[in-house]
Amino acid sequence: MAQNVAKIEKIMLAAPVIPVLVVEDPKKAVPMAEALVKGGLPSIEITLRTEGALEAIRLVSENVEGAFPGAGTVLNEAQYEAAVSAGSQFIVSPGATNTLIDVAEQSDVPLLPGAATASEVMALMERGYERLKFFPAEQAGGAAYLKSLWSPLAAAKFCPTGGVSLEKAPTYLKLPNVLCVGGSWIADAKAVEAKDWAGIEDRARAAAKLTA
C-alpha cells in the first residue's frame, strides 16, 4: 500500500506551519496545544525525544478539540506502534528505512518520511511516497536546493524542517514543491517552560498567516 496522500495532505495543508515540539512535561501539552489550535495551527508534531512524549500525545489526542497530534523522530517499528497507540494521527521520521516503510504500509496512520537527497526522494517515490519531509532543510541546502529538485522530481511535495524560522518560512512556502514547513520557533522550550501560552498563541497566529 502506497502512502495515503489524502490523509497526509490533510495534515500538511491544515496550516502553513506544523509546530515541531519537544515536550518535557506532559502536563503542559494540553494548554500548549490549545494555544496552537486557537492560533490556527492544528497539526502538531510532538517529537519522541523525551520520556513524556507519548503521554503528551495521548493527552492532546484525548483533550484538545481540533488538534491533529502527531509523533516526530519516529525511528523504528516499536516507536511507530507506540505512537499510534497514544493517539497520533500522523507519523514523522527524519529519514526512511525499508523496515519503517513496511510498518507504515500496514498502518492506517500515515507516515511523512524524511529525505535530503535526490536519491532518497527517488527511493521513496518508488515505494509510493510523494509527500515528504525535507530534513534537515537549512543544513541540507535550504530553499535553493529544494527548488532545484522540483523540475526532475515534480511529483514530490515537501514539508521542509530544520533551521526554518519565521523569517525563512516564506521563502520555502513560495516554492512549487512545498506544501508547508515545520518549525520549532512557535513553542520553543523556553516558552513552554514559562507557560507562555498567550505568546505561543500569538506566534501561532502569525505563522498561520504566512504566505509565499
Protein backbone atom coordinates (compact mmCIF):
# COMPACT_ATOMS: atom_id res chain seq x y z
CA MET A 1 0.00 0.00 0.00
CA ALA A 2 1.43 3.36 -1.04
CA GLN A 3 1.39 6.47 1.11
CA ASN A 4 -2.12 7.65 1.96
CA VAL A 5 -1.84 11.02 0.23
CA ALA A 6 -5.30 12.22 1.27
CA LYS A 7 -4.59 11.69 4.96
CA ILE A 8 -1.11 13.20 5.00
CA GLU A 9 -2.18 16.16 2.84
CA LYS A 10 -4.95 16.91 5.33
CA ILE A 11 -2.21 17.34 7.92
CA MET A 12 0.17 19.26 5.64
CA LEU A 13 -2.45 21.64 4.25
CA ALA A 14 -4.19 22.41 7.54
CA ALA A 15 -1.89 25.43 8.00
CA PRO A 16 1.35 26.81 6.53
CA VAL A 17 3.35 25.63 9.55
CA ILE A 18 3.49 22.41 11.56
CA PRO A 19 4.92 23.19 15.01
CA VAL A 20 7.72 20.78 15.92
CA LEU A 21 7.78 20.36 19.68
CA VAL A 22 9.96 18.85 22.37
CA VAL A 23 7.74 18.30 25.41
CA GLU A 24 9.48 17.54 28.71
CA ASP A 25 6.40 17.80 30.94
CA PRO A 26 3.26 16.10 29.58
CA LYS A 27 1.10 18.23 31.88
CA LYS A 28 1.96 21.25 29.75
CA ALA A 29 0.99 19.56 26.50
CA VAL A 30 -2.73 20.33 26.65
CA PRO A 31 -2.55 24.10 27.29
CA MET A 32 0.28 24.34 24.75
CA ALA A 33 -1.76 22.51 22.09
CA GLU A 34 -4.85 24.56 22.91
CA ALA A 35 -2.84 27.74 22.30
CA LEU A 36 -1.56 26.40 18.98
CA VAL A 37 -5.04 25.40 17.79
CA LYS A 38 -6.51 28.76 18.86
CA GLY A 39 -3.75 30.44 16.88
CA GLY A 40 -4.64 28.46 13.77
CA LEU A 41 -2.10 25.62 13.78
CA PRO A 42 -3.98 22.33 14.31
CA SER A 43 -1.27 19.92 13.07
CA ILE A 44 1.12 19.42 15.97
CA GLU A 45 4.27 17.27 15.83
CA ILE A 46 5.49 16.11 19.24
CA THR A 47 8.91 14.55 18.87
CA LEU A 48 9.77 11.30 20.62
CA ARG A 49 12.88 12.82 22.20
CA THR A 50 11.64 12.84 25.78
CA GLU A 51 10.26 10.27 28.19
CA GLY A 52 6.96 12.14 28.36
CA ALA A 53 6.37 12.48 24.63
CA LEU A 54 3.93 9.60 24.23
CA GLU A 55 1.93 10.73 27.24
CA ALA A 56 1.85 14.25 25.81
CA ILE A 57 0.47 12.91 22.53
CA ARG A 58 -2.17 10.89 24.40
CA LEU A 59 -3.29 13.90 26.42
CA VAL A 60 -3.54 16.14 23.38
CA SER A 61 -5.41 13.46 21.44
CA GLU A 62 -7.95 13.00 24.23
CA ASN A 63 -8.39 16.59 25.38
CA VAL A 64 -7.74 19.14 22.63
CA GLU A 65 -10.60 19.54 20.17
CA GLY A 66 -9.48 20.39 16.65
CA ALA A 67 -5.90 19.24 17.14
CA PHE A 68 -4.15 16.79 14.83
CA PRO A 69 -1.42 15.40 17.11
CA GLY A 70 1.45 13.54 15.52
CA ALA A 71 4.69 11.90 16.57
CA GLY A 72 8.06 13.03 15.26
CA THR A 73 11.52 11.46 15.35
CA VAL A 74 10.00 8.01 14.87
CA LEU A 75 12.84 5.66 14.01
CA ASN A 76 11.55 2.10 14.27
CA GLU A 77 8.55 -0.23 14.41
CA ALA A 78 8.18 -0.12 18.18
CA GLN A 79 8.05 3.67 18.24
CA TYR A 80 5.60 3.74 15.33
CA GLU A 81 3.20 1.37 17.05
CA ALA A 82 3.53 3.14 20.41
CA ALA A 83 2.82 6.50 18.78
CA VAL A 84 -0.28 5.15 17.05
CA SER A 85 -1.49 3.63 20.30
CA ALA A 86 -1.03 7.01 22.00
CA GLY A 87 -3.35 8.67 19.51
CA SER A 88 -1.04 10.02 16.83
CA GLN A 89 -2.82 10.98 13.63
CA PHE A 90 0.40 11.13 11.65
CA ILE A 91 3.98 9.92 11.99
CA VAL A 92 7.12 11.83 11.02
CA SER A 93 10.61 10.40 10.60
CA PRO A 94 13.91 12.22 9.92
CA GLY A 95 14.69 9.65 7.24
CA ALA A 96 13.36 6.34 5.98
CA THR A 97 14.26 2.68 6.09
CA ASN A 98 12.63 -0.25 4.36
CA THR A 99 11.52 -1.55 7.75
CA LEU A 100 9.83 1.73 8.66
CA ILE A 101 8.07 1.90 5.29
CA ASP A 102 6.91 -1.70 5.72
CA VAL A 103 5.38 -0.80 9.09
CA ALA A 104 3.71 2.30 7.63
CA GLU A 105 2.16 0.26 4.83
CA GLN A 106 0.38 -1.87 7.43
CA SER A 107 -0.98 1.12 9.36
CA ASP A 108 -3.93 3.43 8.87
CA VAL A 109 -1.85 6.27 10.32
CA PRO A 110 0.18 7.92 7.55
CA LEU A 111 3.94 8.41 7.55
CA LEU A 112 5.75 11.58 6.46
CA PRO A 113 9.27 10.24 5.85
CA GLY A 114 12.35 12.41 5.65
CA ALA A 115 14.64 12.81 2.66
CA ALA A 116 17.58 15.10 1.96
CA THR A 117 18.91 13.98 -1.43
CA ALA A 118 17.54 13.24 -4.89
CA SER A 119 18.38 9.57 -4.45
CA GLU A 120 16.45 9.38 -1.18
CA VAL A 121 13.45 11.09 -2.80
CA MET A 122 13.57 8.70 -5.75
CA ALA A 123 13.77 5.66 -3.46
CA LEU A 124 10.71 6.83 -1.54
CA MET A 125 8.81 7.59 -4.73
CA GLU A 126 9.49 4.02 -5.86
CA ARG A 127 7.67 2.89 -2.72
CA GLY A 128 4.73 5.19 -3.50
CA TYR A 129 5.70 8.07 -1.20
CA GLU A 130 5.38 11.52 -2.75
CA ARG A 131 4.70 13.63 0.35
CA LEU A 132 7.95 14.00 2.21
CA LYS A 133 9.78 15.86 4.94
CA PHE A 134 12.88 17.71 3.66
CA PHE A 135 15.31 17.38 6.57
CA PRO A 136 17.50 18.96 7.77
CA ALA A 137 16.30 21.74 5.49
CA GLU A 138 18.77 24.57 6.06
CA GLN A 139 21.76 22.31 6.59
CA ALA A 140 20.94 20.23 3.50
CA GLY A 141 20.95 23.20 1.14
CA GLY A 142 17.91 25.27 2.02
CA ALA A 143 15.26 26.63 -0.29
CA ALA A 144 17.62 26.94 -3.27
CA TYR A 145 18.46 23.25 -3.11
CA LEU A 146 14.85 22.21 -2.66
CA LYS A 147 13.82 24.36 -5.61
CA SER A 148 16.36 22.51 -7.78
CA LEU A 149 14.59 19.21 -7.05
CA TRP A 150 11.28 20.43 -8.41
CA SER A 151 11.88 20.06 -12.15
CA PRO A 152 13.27 16.49 -12.15
CA LEU A 153 11.09 15.31 -9.24
CA ALA A 154 7.94 17.37 -9.69
CA ALA A 155 5.60 14.80 -8.13
CA ALA A 156 7.30 15.09 -4.75
CA LYS A 157 5.90 17.71 -2.34
CA PHE A 158 7.67 18.63 0.87
CA CYS A 159 7.50 19.93 4.41
CA PRO A 160 10.94 21.48 4.97
CA THR A 161 12.03 21.18 8.61
CA GLY A 162 15.28 22.00 10.36
CA GLY A 163 16.52 25.54 10.82
CA VAL A 164 13.34 27.04 9.35
CA SER A 165 12.40 30.30 11.08
CA LEU A 166 9.59 32.83 10.82
CA GLU A 167 11.82 34.89 8.54
CA LYS A 168 12.86 31.98 6.30
CA ALA A 169 9.49 30.25 6.07
CA PRO A 170 8.01 32.46 3.28
CA THR A 171 10.95 31.65 1.00
CA TYR A 172 10.15 27.96 1.30
CA LEU A 173 6.39 28.42 1.06
CA LYS A 174 6.64 30.12 -2.32
CA LEU A 175 8.29 27.05 -3.86
CA PRO A 176 6.02 24.93 -6.09
CA ASN A 177 7.06 21.73 -4.32
CA VAL A 178 6.41 22.91 -0.74
CA LEU A 179 3.05 22.40 1.00
CA CYS A 180 4.04 23.59 4.48
CA VAL A 181 7.06 24.00 6.73
CA GLY A 182 7.93 22.58 10.12
CA GLY A 183 9.22 24.91 12.81
CA SER A 184 10.15 24.95 16.48
CA TRP A 185 10.13 28.72 17.00
CA ILE A 186 6.41 28.92 17.78
CA ALA A 187 6.56 26.92 21.01
CA ASP A 188 10.20 26.60 21.98
CA ALA A 189 11.38 25.07 25.24
CA LYS A 190 11.73 28.45 26.97
CA ALA A 191 8.15 29.48 26.18
CA VAL A 192 6.75 26.13 27.26
CA GLU A 193 8.74 26.14 30.49
CA ALA A 194 7.44 29.63 31.26
CA LYS A 195 3.87 28.56 30.41
CA ASP A 196 3.68 31.45 27.97
CA TRP A 197 0.51 30.20 26.34
CA ALA A 198 -0.52 33.68 25.19
CA GLY A 199 2.83 34.19 23.48
CA ILE A 200 2.59 30.79 21.81
CA GLU A 201 -0.90 31.62 20.57
CA ASP A 202 0.34 34.94 19.17
CA ARG A 203 3.22 33.26 17.34
CA ALA A 204 0.88 30.56 16.06
CA ARG A 205 -1.49 33.21 14.71
CA ALA A 206 1.39 34.94 12.92
CA ALA A 207 2.58 31.64 11.47
CA ALA A 208 -0.93 30.73 10.32
CA LYS A 209 -0.99 33.89 8.23
CA LEU A 210 2.27 33.15 6.43
CA THR A 211 2.21 33.07 2.67
CA ALA A 212 4.81 32.97 -0.04
